Amino acid sequence: MLRSFIIGAAVACVPAFGFAQATLTSETSGPGSSPHYVDTTLAAVLDAAGVATMQITEGATLTNSVQAVAEGRLDMTPAPLILPFLLSKGIGPYSGVGPEKGAELAENLRVIFFHAGSHQTFSYYNSKPVKDIRKLDGLRIWNGPPRGAALTSGRAMIQLLSGLKDGEGYEGVQTQWNDMTPTVTGGGVDAWTVPNGLPSGREIQHAAAGAVTMYDIPSDLYNSELGQQIVAAPGHAPFSLPVDEYRAAYAGNDITIVTDDDTFDSYSTAFGQVVSKNMDDELVYNIVSTFLKSKDRFFSGSPMGPYLGLTFGDVDGKSQGACGAVQVKMHPSAVRAYEDAGYTVADCLKS
């Protein structure tokens, strides 16, 4: 079920710069996810600075949210960058929109900052172990919401691990984000693959119901031709972290991390925080300026904060999953805020 709430509507103390100047609507994924953390933290810092009040709907399917921003029905959403790419071509979840209308809608989107807060993992309960993650025939595997970027990434993970396609060798199970954890903890699937932050609130919830084992992508598969195609696919970026640091992030939880070397290797989902190209210039400037001044809040507000890949610095485009197959532009006032703060923005991101 979608749940809406307003941050800043009932603040006990008046913000330092007066009451919020604007009310913005936003949609995000479910609690425990990195986009949810980014949005709720952004809402808190914008309210505290007197910039804006954000009315957030959580548990949304971001495929729909991106289209809503493009159509002017929503002010802001975190967007897996594959979605503007698919929308611009009118394919995949936007096939009903069509290429011409899709290109028109995609042109309405502008990024105000980037992050890569999630990376793909594969997990199962120790009480019902998967004997070989390369042999997933006949299993029921949760691999994403009913449609969208996360489902595409989840299906890619299973295909890379086992060579199987959804419905051809294994049964892919999809639910809305808020129903994922009840589906997993209720025994509705044999395993699950999901884009996770570090540490993942979802995986910690799952582990509260029983011991969990989590895998990265084995080195030979990661370095294979298919593996590198998936890592470089639109909306993806490489992810690698020393496994000791990765395990430390889950210390105290009943989660076993399995890798075949000393790093946890996978692919990230590249995100851009998107708004309409027509959003007020000064509002965008104030939002991004406040964001850039709030690094400590984003890093300290959650254990996953330091691993979110947020762009508190120069933006070269390629490191953010843009300026390649995915062609997106930043809002001119976001660029101005970055440059006024002393950072550089790649020309390929400028309108």
Protein backbone atom coordinates (compact mmCIF):
# COMPACT_ATOMS: atom_id res chain seq x y z
CA MET A 1 0.00 0.00 0.00
CA LEU A 2 1.27 3.47 -0.83
CA ARG A 3 1.68 5.74 2.15
CA SER A 4 1.93 9.51 2.04
CA PHE A 5 3.31 11.86 4.64
CA ILE A 6 4.39 15.46 4.87
CA ILE A 7 7.73 16.46 6.32
CA GLY A 8 7.67 19.96 7.69
CA ALA A 9 3.92 20.34 8.07
CA ALA A 10 3.97 20.13 11.83
CA VAL A 11 7.38 21.34 12.88
CA ALA A 12 7.55 22.43 16.49
CA CYS A 13 10.16 25.09 15.87
CA VAL A 14 10.23 27.68 13.12
CA PRO A 15 13.11 26.99 10.68
CA ALA A 16 16.03 29.40 10.82
CA PHE A 17 14.99 31.11 7.59
CA GLY A 18 11.24 31.16 8.18
CA PHE A 19 8.54 28.82 7.01
CA ALA A 20 9.02 26.67 3.92
CA GLN A 21 8.69 28.67 0.74
CA ALA A 22 7.20 25.90 -1.39
CA THR A 23 5.33 22.64 -1.08
CA LEU A 24 6.65 19.89 -3.34
CA THR A 25 5.16 16.51 -4.16
CA SER A 26 7.49 13.54 -4.38
CA GLU A 27 7.29 9.77 -4.72
CA THR A 28 9.90 7.31 -3.57
CA SER A 29 10.46 3.60 -2.95
CA GLY A 30 9.68 1.78 0.29
CA PRO A 31 11.24 2.28 3.73
CA GLY A 32 14.64 0.63 4.15
CA SER A 33 15.72 1.45 0.59
CA SER A 34 18.42 3.94 -0.30
CA PRO A 35 16.12 6.15 -2.46
CA HIS A 36 13.72 6.37 0.49
CA TYR A 37 16.56 7.47 2.76
CA VAL A 38 17.78 10.05 0.24
CA ASP A 39 14.31 11.54 -0.19
CA THR A 40 13.37 11.68 3.46
CA THR A 41 16.76 13.17 4.37
CA LEU A 42 16.46 15.71 1.58
CA ALA A 43 13.00 16.62 2.86
CA ALA A 44 14.38 17.15 6.36
CA VAL A 45 17.25 19.40 5.27
CA LEU A 46 15.05 21.45 2.94
CA ASP A 47 12.52 21.99 5.67
CA ALA A 48 15.19 22.92 8.23
CA ALA A 49 16.62 25.48 5.80
CA GLY A 50 13.19 26.95 5.06
CA VAL A 51 13.45 26.03 1.38
CA ALA A 52 10.51 23.69 0.91
CA THR A 53 8.09 21.23 2.46
CA MET A 54 7.99 17.86 0.71
CA GLN A 55 4.86 15.73 0.57
CA ILE A 56 6.22 12.23 -0.05
CA THR A 57 4.37 9.12 -1.21
CA GLU A 58 6.42 6.06 -0.35
CA GLY A 59 6.34 2.55 -1.77
CA ALA A 60 5.84 3.86 -5.30
CA THR A 61 6.86 2.13 -8.52
CA LEU A 62 9.41 4.61 -9.83
CA THR A 63 8.56 3.78 -13.45
CA ASN A 64 5.25 5.51 -12.87
CA SER A 65 6.81 8.28 -10.82
CA VAL A 66 9.26 9.25 -13.57
CA GLN A 67 6.44 9.50 -16.09
CA ALA A 68 4.42 11.58 -13.62
CA VAL A 69 7.29 14.09 -13.31
CA ALA A 70 7.66 14.20 -17.10
CA GLU A 71 3.94 14.89 -17.44
CA GLY A 72 3.98 17.61 -14.79
CA ARG A 73 1.82 15.68 -12.31
CA LEU A 74 4.63 15.30 -9.73
CA ASP A 75 7.44 17.63 -8.69
CA MET A 76 10.28 15.24 -7.92
CA THR A 77 11.35 11.60 -7.75
CA PRO A 78 14.52 9.51 -7.59
CA ALA A 79 14.92 7.98 -11.05
CA PRO A 80 16.99 4.94 -11.95
CA LEU A 81 18.70 6.37 -15.02
CA ILE A 82 17.58 3.53 -17.22
CA LEU A 83 14.04 4.91 -16.95
CA PRO A 84 14.61 8.24 -18.76
CA PHE A 85 16.52 6.18 -21.35
CA LEU A 86 13.60 3.78 -21.87
CA LEU A 87 11.07 6.61 -21.81
CA SER A 88 13.00 8.54 -24.47
CA LYS A 89 12.67 5.54 -26.78
CA GLY A 90 9.15 4.53 -25.75
CA ILE A 91 10.22 0.95 -25.03
CA GLY A 92 10.09 -1.52 -22.15
CA PRO A 93 7.67 -0.32 -19.47
CA TYR A 94 6.94 2.72 -21.65
CA SER A 95 6.04 0.80 -24.81
CA GLY A 96 2.46 1.97 -24.40
CA VAL A 97 3.66 5.57 -24.57
CA GLY A 98 5.43 5.05 -27.89
CA PRO A 99 8.70 6.51 -29.25
CA GLU A 100 7.41 9.93 -30.31
CA LYS A 101 5.53 10.75 -27.13
CA GLY A 102 8.22 9.10 -25.02
CA ALA A 103 10.94 11.30 -26.49
CA GLU A 104 8.78 14.37 -25.87
CA LEU A 105 8.18 13.40 -22.24
CA ALA A 106 11.82 12.51 -21.56
CA GLU A 107 12.85 15.95 -22.79
CA ASN A 108 10.86 17.41 -19.87
CA LEU A 109 13.10 15.72 -17.27
CA ARG A 110 16.11 17.35 -15.61
CA VAL A 111 18.48 15.92 -12.97
CA ILE A 112 19.40 18.04 -9.93
CA PHE A 113 21.92 15.57 -8.39
CA PHE A 114 23.01 11.95 -8.79
CA HIS A 115 23.46 8.97 -6.50
CA ALA A 116 24.15 5.24 -6.78
CA GLY A 117 22.84 4.03 -3.50
CA SER A 118 21.98 0.45 -4.40
CA HIS A 119 23.76 -2.57 -5.84
CA GLN A 120 22.40 -5.95 -6.87
CA THR A 121 22.68 -8.91 -4.47
CA PHE A 122 21.34 -12.48 -4.30
CA SER A 123 20.11 -13.97 -1.01
CA TYR A 124 18.28 -16.89 0.57
CA TYR A 125 17.38 -18.20 4.01
CA ASN A 126 19.81 -20.68 5.55
CA SER A 127 16.83 -22.76 6.61
CA LYS A 128 16.09 -23.31 2.92
CA PRO A 129 19.49 -23.03 1.25
CA VAL A 130 20.17 -22.79 -2.46
CA LYS A 131 22.81 -25.48 -3.06
CA ASP A 132 24.37 -23.78 -6.08
CA ILE A 133 23.63 -20.19 -7.11
CA ARG A 134 24.53 -21.16 -10.68
CA LYS A 135 21.73 -23.75 -10.75
CA LEU A 136 18.45 -22.02 -10.02
CA ASP A 137 16.16 -24.25 -12.08
CA GLY A 138 12.68 -24.68 -10.67
CA LEU A 139 13.01 -22.04 -7.95
CA ARG A 140 10.65 -19.21 -7.10
CA ILE A 141 12.76 -16.06 -6.93
CA TRP A 142 11.63 -12.55 -6.03
CA ASN A 143 13.31 -10.39 -8.67
CA GLY A 144 11.64 -6.98 -8.49
CA PRO A 145 8.45 -4.96 -8.55
CA PRO A 146 5.93 -5.66 -11.32
CA ARG A 147 7.87 -3.55 -13.81
CA GLY A 148 10.65 -1.01 -14.06
CA ALA A 149 14.40 -0.66 -13.62
CA ALA A 150 14.72 -2.88 -10.54
CA LEU A 151 12.95 -5.74 -12.32
CA THR A 152 15.24 -5.39 -15.33
CA SER A 153 18.30 -5.46 -13.04
CA GLY A 154 16.96 -8.39 -11.03
CA ARG A 155 16.28 -10.47 -14.11
CA ALA A 156 19.76 -9.65 -15.39
CA MET A 157 21.28 -10.95 -12.14
CA ILE A 158 19.52 -14.32 -12.40
CA GLN A 159 20.43 -14.65 -16.07
CA LEU A 160 24.07 -13.91 -15.28
CA LEU A 161 24.22 -16.36 -12.37
CA SER A 162 22.35 -19.25 -13.96
CA GLY A 163 21.74 -18.52 -17.64
CA LEU A 164 18.00 -18.66 -17.01
CA LYS A 165 15.33 -16.20 -18.09
CA ASP A 166 12.24 -15.33 -16.06
CA GLY A 167 9.57 -17.94 -16.76
CA GLU A 168 12.05 -20.16 -18.58
CA GLY A 169 13.65 -22.33 -15.93
CA TYR A 170 12.68 -20.37 -12.83
CA GLU A 171 9.57 -18.55 -11.67
CA GLY A 172 10.09 -14.85 -11.14
CA VAL A 173 7.95 -13.39 -8.38
CA GLN A 174 7.14 -9.69 -8.43
CA THR A 175 5.35 -7.56 -5.85
CA GLN A 176 5.12 -3.90 -4.98
CA TRP A 177 8.06 -2.76 -2.85
CA ASN A 178 6.12 -2.62 0.40
CA ASP A 179 5.06 -6.24 -0.09
CA MET A 180 8.55 -7.58 -0.72
CA THR A 181 9.54 -8.22 2.91
CA PRO A 182 6.26 -9.94 3.86
CA THR A 183 6.63 -12.12 0.74
CA VAL A 184 10.19 -13.08 1.65
CA THR A 185 9.72 -13.57 5.40
CA GLY A 186 6.45 -15.42 4.81
CA GLY A 187 8.22 -18.10 2.79
CA GLY A 188 6.66 -17.15 -0.52
CA VAL A 189 9.94 -17.51 -2.42
CA ASP A 190 13.05 -19.69 -2.38
CA ALA A 191 15.46 -16.78 -2.88
CA TRP A 192 15.52 -13.12 -3.80
CA THR A 193 17.63 -10.67 -5.75
CA VAL A 194 17.29 -6.97 -5.00
CA PRO A 195 19.15 -3.67 -5.36
CA ASN A 196 20.40 -2.97 -1.84
CA GLY A 197 21.97 -0.10 -0.02
CA LEU A 198 24.72 -0.86 2.49
CA PRO A 199 23.64 -1.93 4.98
CA SER A 200 20.22 -2.77 3.58
CA GLY A 201 17.29 -2.16 5.87
CA ARG A 202 15.36 -4.77 3.91
CA GLU A 203 17.99 -7.47 4.43
CA ILE A 204 18.19 -6.66 8.14
CA GLN A 205 14.41 -7.09 8.33
CA HIS A 206 14.69 -10.40 6.49
CA ALA A 207 17.45 -11.60 8.81
CA ALA A 208 15.28 -10.83 11.85
CA ALA A 209 13.07 -13.70 10.68
CA GLY A 210 15.95 -16.14 10.13
CA ALA A 211 19.60 -16.36 9.15
CA VAL A 212 20.34 -15.10 5.63
CA THR A 213 23.18 -15.77 3.20
CA MET A 214 24.00 -13.06 0.66
CA TYR A 215 26.17 -13.39 -2.47
CA ASP A 216 27.99 -11.07 -4.81
CA ILE A 217 28.69 -11.97 -8.44
CA PRO A 218 31.42 -14.64 -8.74
CA SER A 219 34.56 -13.26 -10.38
CA ASP A 220 34.44 -15.40 -13.51
CA LEU A 221 30.84 -14.37 -14.20
CA TYR A 222 31.49 -10.74 -13.33
CA ASN A 223 34.41 -10.59 -15.76
CA SER A 224 32.65 -12.55 -18.50
CA GLU A 225 31.40 -10.88 -21.66
CA LEU A 226 27.81 -11.00 -20.42
CA GLY A 227 28.84 -9.79 -16.99
CA GLN A 228 30.61 -6.74 -18.37
CA GLN A 229 27.69 -6.02 -20.69
CA ILE A 230 25.36 -5.99 -17.69
CA VAL A 231 27.71 -3.82 -15.62
CA ALA A 232 27.90 -1.31 -18.49
CA ALA A 233 24.19 -1.49 -19.41
CA PRO A 234 22.14 1.72 -19.38
CA GLY A 235 21.40 2.61 -15.77
CA HIS A 236 24.20 0.51 -14.29
CA ALA A 237 27.66 1.28 -12.91
CA PRO A 238 30.38 -0.98 -11.41
CA PHE A 239 30.32 -1.67 -7.66
CA SER A 240 33.25 -3.11 -5.72
CA LEU A 241 34.08 -2.91 -2.01
CA PRO A 242 36.53 -4.84 0.21
CA VAL A 243 34.57 -7.74 1.62
CA ASP A 244 35.77 -7.08 5.18
CA GLU A 245 34.29 -3.59 4.99
CA TYR A 246 31.12 -5.02 3.47
CA ARG A 247 30.78 -7.59 6.26
CA ALA A 248 31.41 -4.94 8.91
CA ALA A 249 28.38 -3.03 7.65
CA TYR A 250 26.18 -6.00 8.65
CA ALA A 251 27.93 -6.77 11.95
CA GLY A 252 25.44 -7.83 14.60
CA ASN A 253 22.92 -9.14 12.09
CA ASP A 254 22.49 -12.80 11.17
CA ILE A 255 23.73 -12.29 7.61
CA THR A 256 26.55 -14.31 6.02
CA ILE A 257 28.35 -12.61 3.12
CA VAL A 258 29.82 -14.95 0.49
CA THR A 259 32.39 -13.93 -2.14
CA ASP A 260 35.08 -15.86 -4.02
CA ASP A 261 37.78 -13.26 -3.42
CA ASP A 262 38.50 -10.30 -1.15
CA THR A 263 35.97 -7.93 -2.72
CA PHE A 264 32.19 -7.77 -3.00
CA ASP A 265 31.54 -7.17 -6.70
CA SER A 266 28.26 -6.30 -8.36
CA TYR A 267 26.63 -3.51 -10.33
CA SER A 268 25.03 -0.38 -8.97
CA THR A 269 21.78 1.16 -10.04
CA ALA A 270 22.61 4.71 -11.10
CA PHE A 271 20.05 7.26 -9.92
CA GLY A 272 19.30 10.87 -10.70
CA GLN A 273 16.97 13.04 -8.63
CA VAL A 274 14.69 14.34 -11.37
CA VAL A 275 12.42 17.35 -11.65
CA SER A 276 10.66 19.09 -14.51
CA LYS A 277 12.76 21.32 -16.74
CA ASN A 278 10.18 24.00 -15.93
CA MET A 279 10.71 23.96 -12.16
CA ASP A 280 11.38 27.46 -10.86
CA ASP A 281 15.05 28.40 -11.27
CA GLU A 282 15.56 29.89 -7.81
CA LEU A 283 13.78 26.97 -6.15
CA VAL A 284 16.07 24.47 -7.89
CA TYR A 285 19.11 26.58 -7.00
CA ASN A 286 18.10 26.69 -3.33
CA ILE A 287 17.34 22.95 -3.23
CA VAL A 288 20.71 21.99 -4.70
CA SER A 289 22.66 24.54 -2.68
CA THR A 290 21.07 23.19 0.50
CA PHE A 291 21.79 19.62 -0.59
CA LEU A 292 25.47 20.40 -1.20
CA LYS A 293 25.81 21.96 2.25
CA SER A 294 24.22 18.91 3.90
CA LYS A 295 26.83 16.21 3.27
CA ASP A 296 27.36 15.52 6.98
CA ARG A 297 23.62 15.03 7.51
CA PHE A 298 23.36 12.53 4.63
CA PHE A 299 26.48 10.65 5.75
CA SER A 300 25.64 10.49 9.45
CA GLY A 301 21.87 9.98 9.31
CA SER A 302 22.12 6.28 8.44
CA PRO A 303 24.83 3.60 8.33
CA MET A 304 24.23 3.44 4.56
CA GLY A 305 24.99 7.15 4.18
CA PRO A 306 28.70 6.92 3.29
CA TYR A 307 27.96 4.29 0.63
CA LEU A 308 25.27 6.15 -1.29
CA GLY A 309 27.56 7.55 -3.97
CA LEU A 310 25.96 10.98 -3.63
CA THR A 311 27.49 13.74 -5.74
CA PHE A 312 28.93 16.09 -3.15
CA GLY A 313 31.62 17.19 -5.57
CA ASP A 314 32.63 17.35 -9.22
CA VAL A 315 30.23 15.69 -11.67
CA ASP A 316 31.95 14.12 -14.69
CA GLY A 317 28.85 12.35 -16.01
CA LYS A 318 30.39 8.95 -16.70
CA SER A 319 30.92 8.13 -13.02
CA GLN A 320 27.24 8.88 -12.48
CA GLY A 321 26.06 6.52 -15.23
CA ALA A 322 25.29 9.35 -17.65
CA CYS A 323 26.94 10.78 -20.79
CA GLY A 324 26.98 7.36 -22.42
CA ALA A 325 24.04 5.25 -23.51
CA VAL A 326 21.98 7.27 -21.06
CA GLN A 327 21.74 10.88 -22.13
CA VAL A 328 20.27 13.12 -19.44
CA LYS A 329 20.71 16.79 -18.67
CA MET A 330 20.97 18.62 -15.37
CA HIS A 331 18.69 21.55 -14.62
CA PRO A 332 20.62 24.76 -15.43
CA SER A 333 20.04 26.07 -11.90
CA ALA A 334 21.44 22.83 -10.45
CA VAL A 335 24.55 23.35 -12.58
CA ARG A 336 24.76 26.92 -11.32
CA ALA A 337 24.51 25.75 -7.71
CA TYR A 338 27.31 23.23 -8.22
CA GLU A 339 29.56 25.75 -9.94
CA ASP A 340 28.87 28.44 -7.34
CA ALA A 341 29.91 25.89 -4.69
CA GLY A 342 33.23 25.43 -6.49
CA TYR A 343 32.53 22.18 -8.32
CA THR A 344 32.73 21.33 -12.02
CA VAL A 345 29.95 19.81 -14.12
CA ALA A 346 30.65 18.01 -17.40
CA ASP A 347 29.53 19.82 -20.53
CA CYS A 348 27.56 16.74 -21.62
CA LEU A 349 25.19 17.33 -18.70
CA LYS A 350 24.45 20.96 -19.49
CA SER A 351 21.28 21.92 -21.32
